Amino acid sequence: MTEEFHGPEGHRDEDEKDYQDSQSQSRTDWDKIFYKPVSGDENLVRILPGIGTARYHFKGGKHFIKHPDKKEMFVCNFETYGKPCPACEEFDRLDKLGKDDDAKPFKPSVKGVFNVIDRTNPERGVILWECPPVAVWERIIGLVKGKSKFNDLVGSVDDPLAGRDVVVIYNPKATPQFMYDLQFDAVSQLGKKKEVAAWLASARPLEPKTIYPEVDYDVAKIKTFGSKEEREELRKKLAEQYEAKSKKEEKKEKAKADDEKAEDLKKIAELEKQIADMKSGETGKGEAKEEEKPEETKAEEKTEEKEETKEEVVEKKEEVKEEKPESSTISELRKQLEEAEKKEAEDEKPAEKEEAKAEEKTEEKEETKEEVVEKKEEVKKGEETPEELALKIAKIRSKHEA
């Protein structure tokens, strides 16, 4: 037998601080984290499917043990984890003896838990709905596992078009079994693609340990049966443990931040070196260009030399003509002229060949020069400019200035 409780108001007792601290939650967070229906039929929620390996629901419980000085609250390990719980053991012992009134204070308060979107306030994102196990949780589980047309109620992470909204009719004045009624809308889209992705990314997987942390058996025993002094001593001990844990986590976070800073400083040094290399490379470009000029001049000089050689051959030809005596016969003159032309042709061929080779070399050099320019342009396209690298450095430094 279990006793139902309804909504997050069940958490709000004077002794909830140590429980909240164990979950890193403050009092103001409860309204942000939990869904609570309002009286009437103006409640519309969408139950989210399971995220990762976690299911879309689980059942858990808590104990609220009343003492003369205050109420002690702790997670029921039996209902939540199926493990031994001193309060449940006491409840079973007294129940077997027929002492119902004495057993009642040791009953666990049980609820089912879902991740939901409040359709009337979707800006709240994914929140937790702690609902009564019989009136809500068991009914929904039964529908999903059954063969009715509502077994597609929860939908699927892979199919945002599947699933149905749930109308929750809530009457806080009614008896527990009639306090809730549920109605189901037609199949509808969970939300827009980006909206759904954001919801699923922010939702906590529904695993008991993330919401109801397991309590140590001896701690639960002191909270159940301990005297005021024992419970006060336990409270101090738990506070010290929590403080030590916080300091350890803080130290761990600081070490992580220091490591990140060291990595960022290393990265800054590399970027600054890149900028320095780029600047020194730009300075050397002028020198490189000056070295290239003699090669071009050389080719031009060779071409000029060849042109001069050609002119010299023509001059020699004319000189040969002038040197021939006037007494020579026409046939001899023709023969001499043919020989001179033949010699001239032979002299011209090497000159033409040299000229052609020089032109080819010049063309090759021009092509090589173009290739070098193209390669430089390709490198420039792939590389970041010094200004872009400097901006990167500024962004990295700004992370550690806050």
Protein backbone atom coordinates (compact mmCIF):
# COMPACT_ATOMS: atom_id res chain seq x y z
CA MET A 1 0.00 0.00 0.00
CA THR A 2 1.23 3.46 -0.87
CA GLU A 3 -0.04 6.95 -0.30
CA GLU A 4 -0.26 9.30 -3.27
CA PHE A 5 0.78 12.93 -3.13
CA HIS A 6 0.12 15.53 -5.76
CA GLY A 7 2.42 18.09 -7.36
CA PRO A 8 5.67 19.68 -6.19
CA GLU A 9 4.03 21.17 -3.10
CA GLY A 10 4.74 17.80 -1.48
CA HIS A 11 8.44 18.74 -1.42
CA ARG A 12 8.05 21.96 0.50
CA ASP A 13 8.81 21.20 4.10
CA GLU A 14 11.28 22.85 6.44
CA ASP A 15 13.81 20.05 6.10
CA GLU A 16 14.14 19.90 2.33
CA LYS A 17 17.42 21.88 2.06
CA ASP A 18 19.81 18.93 2.35
CA TYR A 19 17.78 17.03 -0.26
CA GLN A 20 17.73 20.03 -2.60
CA ASP A 21 21.46 20.58 -2.13
CA SER A 22 22.15 16.97 -3.09
CA GLN A 23 20.51 17.73 -6.44
CA SER A 24 22.10 21.21 -6.77
CA GLN A 25 18.63 22.76 -6.76
CA SER A 26 17.45 25.86 -4.87
CA ARG A 27 13.95 26.55 -3.60
CA THR A 28 13.20 28.96 -6.45
CA ASP A 29 13.95 26.22 -8.99
CA TRP A 30 10.98 23.98 -8.12
CA ASP A 31 8.45 26.07 -10.03
CA LYS A 32 10.77 26.13 -13.05
CA ILE A 33 11.46 22.40 -13.04
CA PHE A 34 8.04 20.91 -12.25
CA TYR A 35 4.69 21.03 -13.97
CA LYS A 36 1.62 21.57 -11.81
CA PRO A 37 -1.87 21.60 -13.40
CA VAL A 38 -4.31 24.34 -12.49
CA SER A 39 -7.83 23.61 -11.31
CA GLY A 40 -10.20 22.88 -14.23
CA ASP A 41 -9.75 21.58 -17.77
CA GLU A 42 -7.36 24.20 -19.14
CA ASN A 43 -4.31 21.96 -18.81
CA LEU A 44 -2.69 20.64 -21.98
CA VAL A 45 0.60 18.73 -21.96
CA ARG A 46 2.66 16.67 -24.37
CA ILE A 47 4.53 13.68 -22.92
CA LEU A 48 7.97 13.32 -24.52
CA PRO A 49 9.39 10.00 -25.66
CA GLY A 50 12.44 8.44 -24.03
CA ILE A 51 15.76 10.16 -24.62
CA GLY A 52 18.86 8.08 -25.34
CA THR A 53 18.73 4.77 -23.51
CA ALA A 54 16.37 6.10 -20.81
CA ARG A 55 12.65 5.31 -20.86
CA TYR A 56 9.97 7.98 -21.15
CA HIS A 57 8.88 7.43 -17.52
CA PHE A 58 9.81 5.99 -14.14
CA LYS A 59 8.22 5.57 -10.72
CA GLY A 60 9.80 6.81 -7.52
CA GLY A 61 8.95 7.58 -3.92
CA LYS A 62 9.85 9.65 -0.86
CA HIS A 63 9.28 9.38 2.85
CA PHE A 64 8.06 12.25 5.05
CA ILE A 65 8.65 11.17 8.63
CA LYS A 66 7.09 13.44 11.28
CA HIS A 67 9.02 14.07 14.49
CA PRO A 68 8.01 16.38 17.36
CA ASP A 69 10.55 19.01 16.29
CA LYS A 70 10.33 18.74 12.48
CA LYS A 71 9.61 16.56 9.44
CA GLU A 72 12.41 14.53 7.86
CA MET A 73 12.31 13.83 4.13
CA PHE A 74 14.36 11.32 2.12
CA VAL A 75 14.12 9.20 -1.03
CA CYS A 76 12.48 5.80 -0.66
CA ASN A 77 15.08 3.36 -1.94
CA PHE A 78 12.55 0.52 -2.10
CA GLU A 79 10.01 2.24 -4.35
CA THR A 80 12.66 3.97 -6.48
CA TYR A 81 15.45 1.39 -6.71
CA GLY A 82 14.01 -1.81 -5.23
CA LYS A 83 16.59 -1.67 -2.41
CA PRO A 84 16.18 -1.96 1.40
CA CYS A 85 14.54 1.01 3.12
CA PRO A 86 14.25 1.24 6.97
CA ALA A 87 10.98 3.21 6.83
CA CYS A 88 9.37 0.63 4.50
CA GLU A 89 10.60 -2.17 6.73
CA GLU A 90 8.92 -0.48 9.74
CA PHE A 91 5.74 0.04 7.74
CA ASP A 92 5.63 -3.66 6.80
CA ARG A 93 6.30 -4.76 10.40
CA LEU A 94 3.47 -2.65 11.85
CA ASP A 95 1.11 -3.52 8.98
CA LYS A 96 1.56 -7.24 9.66
CA LEU A 97 0.70 -6.62 13.30
CA GLY A 98 -2.50 -4.90 12.18
CA LYS A 99 -1.42 -1.54 13.55
CA ASP A 100 -2.62 0.52 10.59
CA ASP A 101 -2.59 3.89 12.36
CA ASP A 102 0.95 3.34 13.63
CA ALA A 103 2.12 2.12 10.21
CA LYS A 104 0.66 5.04 8.23
CA PRO A 105 3.44 7.61 9.03
CA PHE A 106 5.98 5.22 7.45
CA LYS A 107 4.19 4.89 4.09
CA PRO A 108 6.17 6.13 1.09
CA SER A 109 4.59 8.79 -1.09
CA VAL A 110 4.83 7.46 -4.65
CA LYS A 111 4.51 9.14 -8.04
CA GLY A 112 5.19 8.56 -11.70
CA VAL A 113 7.48 10.97 -13.56
CA PHE A 114 7.33 12.16 -17.19
CA ASN A 115 9.15 14.76 -19.26
CA VAL A 116 6.47 17.08 -20.66
CA ILE A 117 5.90 20.27 -22.63
CA ASP A 118 3.27 22.55 -21.16
CA ARG A 119 1.34 23.55 -24.29
CA THR A 120 -0.11 26.61 -22.53
CA ASN A 121 3.44 27.78 -21.66
CA PRO A 122 5.80 26.16 -24.22
CA GLU A 123 8.49 28.75 -23.50
CA ARG A 124 9.19 26.88 -20.25
CA GLY A 125 10.75 24.11 -22.34
CA VAL A 126 10.95 20.56 -21.00
CA ILE A 127 9.69 20.21 -17.41
CA LEU A 128 8.97 17.29 -15.07
CA TRP A 129 5.48 16.10 -14.30
CA GLU A 130 5.21 14.20 -11.02
CA CYS A 131 1.80 12.60 -11.24
CA PRO A 132 -0.27 10.21 -9.10
CA PRO A 133 0.66 6.61 -9.92
CA VAL A 134 -2.86 5.18 -10.22
CA ALA A 135 -4.92 8.06 -11.64
CA VAL A 136 -2.34 9.15 -14.22
CA TRP A 137 0.93 7.18 -14.49
CA GLU A 138 -0.50 3.65 -14.55
CA ARG A 139 -3.30 4.71 -16.91
CA ILE A 140 -0.88 6.20 -19.43
CA ILE A 141 1.47 3.19 -19.23
CA GLY A 142 -1.54 0.90 -19.78
CA LEU A 143 -2.64 2.86 -22.87
CA VAL A 144 0.83 2.84 -24.43
CA LYS A 145 1.24 -0.90 -23.84
CA GLY A 146 -2.35 -1.71 -24.89
CA LYS A 147 -4.06 -2.12 -28.25
CA SER A 148 -6.32 0.93 -28.20
CA LYS A 149 -6.00 3.75 -30.75
CA PHE A 150 -4.20 5.79 -28.08
CA ASN A 151 -1.17 3.49 -27.88
CA ASP A 152 0.70 6.04 -30.07
CA LEU A 153 0.27 8.60 -27.29
CA VAL A 154 3.97 9.16 -26.54
CA GLY A 155 5.25 9.15 -30.12
CA SER A 156 8.90 8.73 -31.10
CA VAL A 157 12.08 10.80 -31.09
CA ASP A 158 12.59 9.85 -34.76
CA ASP A 159 9.07 10.87 -35.77
CA PRO A 160 8.00 14.33 -34.51
CA LEU A 161 4.66 13.92 -36.33
CA ALA A 162 3.63 11.06 -34.01
CA GLY A 163 2.14 11.44 -30.53
CA ARG A 164 -0.85 13.15 -28.91
CA ASP A 165 -1.44 16.01 -26.49
CA VAL A 166 -3.13 15.19 -23.18
CA VAL A 167 -5.93 17.28 -21.68
CA VAL A 168 -5.59 17.10 -17.88
CA ILE A 169 -8.78 17.81 -15.92
CA TYR A 170 -7.76 18.56 -12.35
CA ASN A 171 -10.02 18.91 -9.31
CA PRO A 172 -7.92 19.42 -6.14
CA LYS A 173 -11.01 19.27 -3.92
CA ALA A 174 -12.00 15.76 -5.00
CA THR A 175 -10.85 12.55 -3.34
CA PRO A 176 -7.47 11.22 -4.65
CA GLN A 177 -9.03 8.64 -7.02
CA PHE A 178 -11.22 11.31 -8.69
CA MET A 179 -8.79 14.22 -8.55
CA TYR A 180 -7.52 13.68 -12.13
CA ASP A 181 -9.20 12.86 -15.43
CA LEU A 182 -7.44 12.59 -18.79
CA GLN A 183 -8.59 13.15 -22.36
CA PHE A 184 -6.48 12.66 -25.49
CA ASP A 185 -6.27 14.87 -28.57
CA ALA A 186 -5.79 13.69 -32.15
CA VAL A 187 -2.32 12.79 -33.41
CA SER A 188 -0.34 16.01 -33.92
CA GLN A 189 3.15 17.32 -34.56
CA LEU A 190 5.33 17.74 -31.48
CA GLY A 191 6.75 21.03 -32.77
CA LYS A 192 8.94 22.65 -35.41
CA LYS A 193 12.20 20.88 -36.24
CA LYS A 194 14.51 23.38 -34.49
CA GLU A 195 12.16 23.67 -31.53
CA VAL A 196 12.03 19.88 -31.04
CA ALA A 197 15.84 19.62 -31.33
CA ALA A 198 16.23 22.30 -28.62
CA TRP A 199 13.72 20.57 -26.33
CA LEU A 200 15.36 17.16 -26.65
CA ALA A 201 18.83 18.66 -26.12
CA SER A 202 17.74 20.38 -22.88
CA ALA A 203 15.67 17.49 -21.47
CA ARG A 204 17.22 15.36 -18.76
CA PRO A 205 17.08 11.60 -19.39
CA LEU A 206 14.42 10.12 -17.11
CA GLU A 207 16.62 8.11 -14.78
CA PRO A 208 15.89 8.10 -11.02
CA LYS A 209 19.49 8.95 -10.08
CA THR A 210 19.24 12.30 -11.93
CA ILE A 211 16.15 13.37 -9.99
CA TYR A 212 15.85 11.15 -6.87
CA PRO A 213 19.38 10.33 -5.70
CA GLU A 214 19.71 7.13 -3.72
CA VAL A 215 20.02 7.69 0.04
CA ASP A 216 22.38 5.81 2.31
CA TYR A 217 20.55 3.20 4.42
CA ASP A 218 22.08 4.44 7.72
CA VAL A 219 21.15 8.05 6.88
CA ALA A 220 17.55 6.98 6.21
CA LYS A 221 17.53 5.02 9.49
CA ILE A 222 18.62 8.04 11.55
CA LYS A 223 16.04 10.24 9.80
CA THR A 224 13.37 7.63 10.56
CA PHE A 225 14.18 6.66 14.16
CA GLY A 226 16.89 9.06 15.39
CA SER A 227 16.55 11.46 18.29
CA LYS A 228 16.69 15.21 17.78
CA GLU A 229 20.39 15.26 18.73
CA GLU A 230 21.23 12.38 16.37
CA ARG A 231 19.40 14.01 13.50
CA GLU A 232 21.07 17.37 14.18
CA GLU A 233 24.46 15.66 14.17
CA LEU A 234 23.54 13.91 10.91
CA ARG A 235 22.50 17.24 9.40
CA LYS A 236 25.89 18.78 10.24
CA LYS A 237 27.71 15.77 8.84
CA LEU A 238 25.70 15.90 5.59
CA ALA A 239 26.35 19.65 5.33
CA GLU A 240 30.12 19.06 5.74
CA GLN A 241 30.02 16.32 3.11
CA TYR A 242 28.13 18.57 0.74
CA GLU A 243 30.59 21.42 1.33
CA ALA A 244 33.57 19.11 0.77
CA LYS A 245 31.96 17.80 -2.42
CA SER A 246 31.33 21.35 -3.60
CA LYS A 247 34.93 22.34 -2.94
CA LYS A 248 36.17 19.25 -4.76
CA GLU A 249 33.99 20.04 -7.75
CA GLU A 250 35.08 23.68 -7.62
CA LYS A 251 38.73 22.59 -7.56
CA LYS A 252 38.10 20.25 -10.47
CA GLU A 253 36.43 23.05 -12.44
CA LYS A 254 39.33 25.39 -11.67
CA ALA A 255 41.87 22.79 -12.85
CA LYS A 256 39.85 22.34 -16.02
CA ALA A 257 39.73 26.11 -16.56
CA ASP A 258 43.51 26.37 -15.99
CA ASP A 259 44.13 23.61 -18.54
CA GLU A 260 41.91 25.38 -21.06
CA LYS A 261 43.74 28.65 -20.42
CA ALA A 262 47.13 26.95 -20.94
CA GLU A 263 45.90 25.45 -24.22
CA ASP A 264 44.56 28.83 -25.33
CA LEU A 265 47.87 30.57 -24.52
CA LYS A 266 49.67 27.91 -26.56
CA LYS A 267 47.26 28.51 -29.42
CA ILE A 268 47.78 32.29 -29.18
CA ALA A 269 51.57 31.78 -29.41
CA GLU A 270 51.13 29.65 -32.53
CA LEU A 271 48.85 32.24 -34.15
CA GLU A 272 51.26 35.07 -33.33
CA LYS A 273 54.09 33.07 -34.91
CA GLN A 274 51.95 32.58 -38.01
CA ILE A 275 51.39 36.34 -38.24
CA ALA A 276 55.13 37.01 -37.80
CA ASP A 277 55.98 34.44 -40.52
CA MET A 278 53.45 36.02 -42.87
CA LYS A 279 54.90 39.49 -42.34
CA SER A 280 58.48 38.29 -42.87
CA GLY A 281 57.32 36.45 -46.03
CA GLU A 282 55.83 39.67 -47.42
CA THR A 283 59.17 41.50 -46.80
CA GLY A 284 61.07 38.84 -48.75
CA LYS A 285 58.78 39.07 -51.77
CA GLY A 286 60.53 42.20 -53.12
CA GLU A 287 63.94 40.52 -52.96
CA ALA A 288 62.61 37.44 -54.72
CA LYS A 289 61.26 39.58 -57.53
CA GLU A 290 64.63 41.30 -57.98
CA GLU A 291 66.32 37.92 -58.29
CA GLU A 292 63.92 36.93 -61.04
CA LYS A 293 64.75 39.99 -63.21
CA PRO A 294 68.27 38.91 -64.32
CA GLU A 295 66.82 35.70 -65.81
CA GLU A 296 64.39 37.69 -67.98
CA THR A 297 67.11 40.17 -68.95
CA LYS A 298 69.38 37.26 -69.87
CA ALA A 299 66.82 35.87 -72.31
CA GLU A 300 66.34 39.31 -73.87
CA GLU A 301 70.10 39.78 -74.19
CA LYS A 302 70.47 36.42 -75.94
CA THR A 303 67.72 37.35 -78.40
CA GLU A 304 69.47 40.68 -79.09
CA GLU A 305 72.79 38.88 -79.61
CA LYS A 306 71.18 36.55 -82.14
CA GLU A 307 69.68 39.50 -84.00
CA GLU A 308 73.15 41.10 -84.11
CA THR A 309 74.67 37.84 -85.46
CA LYS A 310 72.07 37.80 -88.24
CA GLU A 311 72.96 41.37 -89.17
CA GLU A 312 76.65 40.46 -89.20
CA VAL A 313 75.94 37.55 -91.62
CA VAL A 314 74.12 39.93 -93.99
CA GLU A 315 77.01 42.42 -93.76
CA LYS A 316 79.54 39.66 -94.54
CA LYS A 317 77.47 38.64 -97.55
CA GLU A 318 77.57 42.17 -98.85
CA GLU A 319 81.33 42.34 -98.17
CA VAL A 320 81.87 39.12 -100.17
CA LYS A 321 79.99 40.63 -103.04
CA GLU A 322 82.10 43.77 -102.89
CA GLU A 323 85.40 41.82 -102.72
CA LYS A 324 84.83 39.96 -106.03
CA PRO A 325 86.92 41.35 -108.90
CA GLU A 326 85.22 43.04 -111.82
CA SER A 327 87.06 40.75 -114.23
CA SER A 328 85.24 37.63 -113.00
CA THR A 329 82.93 35.95 -115.44
CA ILE A 330 79.21 35.79 -114.89
CA SER A 331 79.33 32.05 -114.26
CA GLU A 332 82.04 32.47 -111.65
CA LEU A 333 80.14 35.27 -110.02
CA ARG A 334 77.00 33.13 -109.91
CA LYS A 335 78.98 30.26 -108.40
CA GLN A 336 80.50 32.53 -105.77
CA LEU A 337 77.09 34.00 -105.02
CA GLU A 338 75.56 30.53 -104.56
CA GLU A 339 78.40 29.54 -102.24
CA ALA A 340 77.97 32.73 -100.22
CA GLU A 341 74.19 32.18 -99.99
CA LYS A 342 74.78 28.57 -98.96
CA LYS A 343 77.22 29.66 -96.29
CA GLU A 344 74.81 32.36 -95.17
CA ALA A 345 72.00 29.79 -94.91
CA GLU A 346 74.24 27.50 -92.86
CA ASP A 347 75.20 30.40 -90.61
CA GLU A 348 71.55 31.46 -90.21
CA LYS A 349 70.28 28.00 -89.18
CA PRO A 350 72.18 27.79 -85.88
CA ALA A 351 71.22 31.39 -85.17
CA GLU A 352 67.53 30.63 -85.81
CA LYS A 353 67.78 27.51 -83.68
CA GLU A 354 69.37 29.47 -80.85
CA GLU A 355 66.71 32.15 -81.22
CA ALA A 356 63.92 29.55 -81.16
CA LYS A 357 65.46 27.91 -78.09
CA ALA A 358 65.73 31.28 -76.38
CA GLU A 359 62.08 32.03 -77.18
CA GLU A 360 61.05 28.60 -75.85
CA LYS A 361 63.01 29.19 -72.65
CA THR A 362 61.43 32.62 -72.27
CA GLU A 363 57.97 31.07 -72.74
CA GLU A 364 58.80 28.31 -70.24
CA LYS A 365 59.96 30.90 -67.74
CA GLU A 366 56.79 32.92 -68.25
CA GLU A 367 54.71 29.78 -67.73
CA THR A 368 56.70 28.89 -64.59
CA LYS A 369 56.21 32.41 -63.32
CA GLU A 370 52.45 32.13 -63.90
CA GLU A 371 52.39 28.75 -62.10
CA VAL A 372 54.23 30.26 -59.12
CA VAL A 373 51.73 33.15 -59.00
CA GLU A 374 48.81 30.68 -59.21
CA LYS A 375 50.27 28.54 -56.41
CA LYS A 376 50.77 31.63 -54.26
CA GLU A 377 47.17 32.63 -54.88
CA GLU A 378 45.98 29.13 -53.95
CA VAL A 379 47.98 29.27 -50.71
CA LYS A 380 46.51 32.70 -49.98
CA LYS A 381 42.98 31.37 -50.46
CA GLY A 382 43.60 28.52 -47.98
CA GLU A 383 45.36 30.70 -45.41
CA GLU A 384 43.85 33.25 -43.08
CA THR A 385 45.01 36.84 -43.23
CA PRO A 386 47.04 38.37 -40.35
CA GLU A 387 43.96 40.47 -39.49
CA GLU A 388 41.78 37.34 -39.22
CA LEU A 389 44.40 35.62 -37.05
CA ALA A 390 44.62 38.71 -34.82
CA LEU A 391 40.83 38.65 -34.42
CA LYS A 392 41.06 35.00 -33.37
CA ILE A 393 43.67 35.90 -30.75
CA ALA A 394 41.43 38.69 -29.40
CA LYS A 395 38.48 36.28 -29.08
CA ILE A 396 40.57 33.69 -27.23
CA ARG A 397 41.91 36.32 -24.83
CA SER A 398 38.42 37.69 -24.14
CA LYS A 399 37.40 34.27 -22.74
CA HIS A 400 39.84 34.68 -19.85
CA GLU A 401 39.33 38.39 -19.16
CA ALA A 402 35.90 37.95 -17.53
